[in-house]
Amino acid sequence: MTPSYRLDAGQIEVVEDRMADVLRTKTPAQRLAIGFGLRRSAEKLIRAHLTSAHPDWSVQRVSQEVVRRLSHGVSELPMRLSLS
């Protein structure tokens, strides 16, 4: 049976029913930990890709690009969130 997904402007992501069932068994803290883990994994993957694709970039330049990509294009961080 093929699940039906609503893919329109009102739907950002589609979670499979099986995954939704698993997430429902988790506490809010566990779901938050999963989300933070996913973000850390994304950061590692982006950082590895950029380091490989741009070996001439400094660590600071790579970090700036990682932040830009993870923040959906926001290029400036507030001072309290600075990576330096």
C-alpha atoms as a PDB file:
ATOM      1  CA  MET A   1       0.000   0.000   0.000  1.00  0.00           C
ATOM      2  CA  THR A   2       1.468   3.345  -1.018  1.00  0.00           C
ATOM      3  CA  PRO A   3       0.979   6.029   1.632  1.00  0.00           C
ATOM      4  CA  SER A   4      -0.534   9.272   0.504  1.00  0.00           C
ATOM      5  CA  TYR A   5       1.495  12.356   1.349  1.00  0.00           C
ATOM      6  CA  ARG A   6       0.299  15.918   1.215  1.00  0.00           C
ATOM      7  CA  LEU A   7       3.007  17.835  -0.641  1.00  0.00           C
ATOM      8  CA  ASP A   8       1.973  21.452  -0.897  1.00  0.00           C
ATOM      9  CA  ALA A   9       2.874  24.869   0.500  1.00  0.00           C
ATOM     10  CA  GLY A  10       1.241  23.948   3.815  1.00  0.00           C
ATOM     11  CA  GLN A  11       3.406  20.864   4.316  1.00  0.00           C
ATOM     12  CA  ILE A  12       7.089  21.363   5.094  1.00  0.00           C
ATOM     13  CA  GLU A  13       8.103  17.767   5.719  1.00  0.00           C
ATOM     14  CA  VAL A  14       6.452  14.405   5.478  1.00  0.00           C
ATOM     15  CA  VAL A  15       7.110  11.874   8.233  1.00  0.00           C
ATOM     16  CA  GLU A  16       6.404   8.242   7.465  1.00  0.00           C
ATOM     17  CA  ASP A  17       3.728   6.686   9.625  1.00  0.00           C
ATOM     18  CA  ARG A  18       6.201   4.179  11.106  1.00  0.00           C
ATOM     19  CA  MET A  19       8.589   6.951  12.087  1.00  0.00           C
ATOM     20  CA  ALA A  20       5.748   9.004  13.572  1.00  0.00           C
ATOM     21  CA  ASP A  21       4.796   5.971  15.685  1.00  0.00           C
ATOM     22  CA  VAL A  22       8.369   5.686  16.980  1.00  0.00           C
ATOM     23  CA  LEU A  23       8.574   9.413  17.763  1.00  0.00           C
ATOM     24  CA  ARG A  24       5.280   9.282  19.667  1.00  0.00           C
ATOM     25  CA  THR A  25       6.879   6.829  22.120  1.00  0.00           C
ATOM     26  CA  LYS A  26       9.683   9.299  22.915  1.00  0.00           C
ATOM     27  CA  THR A  27       9.603  11.912  25.632  1.00  0.00           C
ATOM     28  CA  PRO A  28       9.933  15.561  24.620  1.00  0.00           C
ATOM     29  CA  ALA A  29      13.540  15.499  25.893  1.00  0.00           C
ATOM     30  CA  GLN A  30      14.318  12.434  23.778  1.00  0.00           C
ATOM     31  CA  ARG A  31      12.806  14.033  20.673  1.00  0.00           C
ATOM     32  CA  LEU A  32      14.833  17.184  21.305  1.00  0.00           C
ATOM     33  CA  ALA A  33      18.011  15.107  21.696  1.00  0.00           C
ATOM     34  CA  ILE A  34      17.250  13.394  18.377  1.00  0.00           C
ATOM     35  CA  GLY A  35      16.840  16.782  16.707  1.00  0.00           C
ATOM     36  CA  PHE A  36      20.110  18.089  18.150  1.00  0.00           C
ATOM     37  CA  GLY A  37      21.864  14.911  16.995  1.00  0.00           C
ATOM     38  CA  LEU A  38      20.521  15.383  13.481  1.00  0.00           C
ATOM     39  CA  ARG A  39      21.765  18.965  13.452  1.00  0.00           C
ATOM     40  CA  ARG A  40      25.240  17.891  14.637  1.00  0.00           C
ATOM     41  CA  SER A  41      25.348  15.244  11.919  1.00  0.00           C
ATOM     42  CA  ALA A  42      24.349  17.790   9.290  1.00  0.00           C
ATOM     43  CA  GLU A  43      27.069  20.154  10.497  1.00  0.00           C
ATOM     44  CA  LYS A  44      29.717  17.413  10.322  1.00  0.00           C
ATOM     45  CA  LEU A  45      28.653  16.411   6.817  1.00  0.00           C
ATOM     46  CA  ILE A  46      28.635  19.999   5.540  1.00  0.00           C
ATOM     47  CA  ARG A  47      31.992  20.723   7.190  1.00  0.00           C
ATOM     48  CA  ALA A  48      33.578  17.593   5.661  1.00  0.00           C
ATOM     49  CA  HIS A  49      32.178  18.432   2.232  1.00  0.00           C
ATOM     50  CA  LEU A  50      33.400  22.039   2.350  1.00  0.00           C
ATOM     51  CA  THR A  51      36.841  21.049   3.622  1.00  0.00           C
ATOM     52  CA  SER A  52      37.170  18.566   0.773  1.00  0.00           C
ATOM     53  CA  ALA A  53      35.718  20.843  -1.899  1.00  0.00           C
ATOM     54  CA  HIS A  54      37.677  23.934  -0.780  1.00  0.00           C
ATOM     55  CA  PRO A  55      41.045  22.823   0.650  1.00  0.00           C
ATOM     56  CA  ASP A  56      42.288  26.412   0.314  1.00  0.00           C
ATOM     57  CA  TRP A  57      39.651  27.760   2.741  1.00  0.00           C
ATOM     58  CA  SER A  58      40.651  28.545   6.329  1.00  0.00           C
ATOM     59  CA  VAL A  59      38.935  26.871   9.260  1.00  0.00           C
ATOM     60  CA  GLN A  60      37.175  30.170   9.942  1.00  0.00           C
ATOM     61  CA  ARG A  61      35.911  30.426   6.340  1.00  0.00           C
ATOM     62  CA  VAL A  62      34.601  26.847   6.460  1.00  0.00           C
ATOM     63  CA  SER A  63      32.868  27.570   9.789  1.00  0.00           C
ATOM     64  CA  GLN A  64      31.251  30.704   8.354  1.00  0.00           C
ATOM     65  CA  GLU A  65      29.915  28.747   5.380  1.00  0.00           C
ATOM     66  CA  VAL A  66      28.627  25.953   7.629  1.00  0.00           C
ATOM     67  CA  VAL A  67      26.733  28.537   9.692  1.00  0.00           C
ATOM     68  CA  ARG A  68      25.380  30.211   6.552  1.00  0.00           C
ATOM     69  CA  ARG A  69      24.085  26.928   5.171  1.00  0.00           C
ATOM     70  CA  LEU A  70      22.561  25.739   8.428  1.00  0.00           C
ATOM     71  CA  SER A  71      20.899  29.105   9.024  1.00  0.00           C
ATOM     72  CA  HIS A  72      19.237  29.076   5.606  1.00  0.00           C
ATOM     73  CA  GLY A  73      21.434  31.808   4.197  1.00  0.00           C
ATOM     74  CA  VAL A  74      21.731  34.179   7.140  1.00  0.00           C
ATOM     75  CA  SER A  75      25.324  35.313   6.800  1.00  0.00           C
ATOM     76  CA  GLU A  76      25.786  37.223  10.056  1.00  0.00           C
ATOM     77  CA  LEU A  77      25.559  35.758  13.542  1.00  0.00           C
ATOM     78  CA  PRO A  78      24.667  37.820  16.584  1.00  0.00           C
ATOM     79  CA  MET A  79      27.765  38.445  18.695  1.00  0.00           C
ATOM     80  CA  ARG A  80      26.647  36.070  21.445  1.00  0.00           C
ATOM     81  CA  LEU A  81      26.562  33.196  18.915  1.00  0.00           C
ATOM     82  CA  SER A  82      29.911  33.941  17.303  1.00  0.00           C
ATOM     83  CA  LEU A  83      31.949  30.845  16.485  1.00  0.00           C
ATOM     84  CA  SER A  84      35.291  32.558  17.057  1.00  0.00           C
END
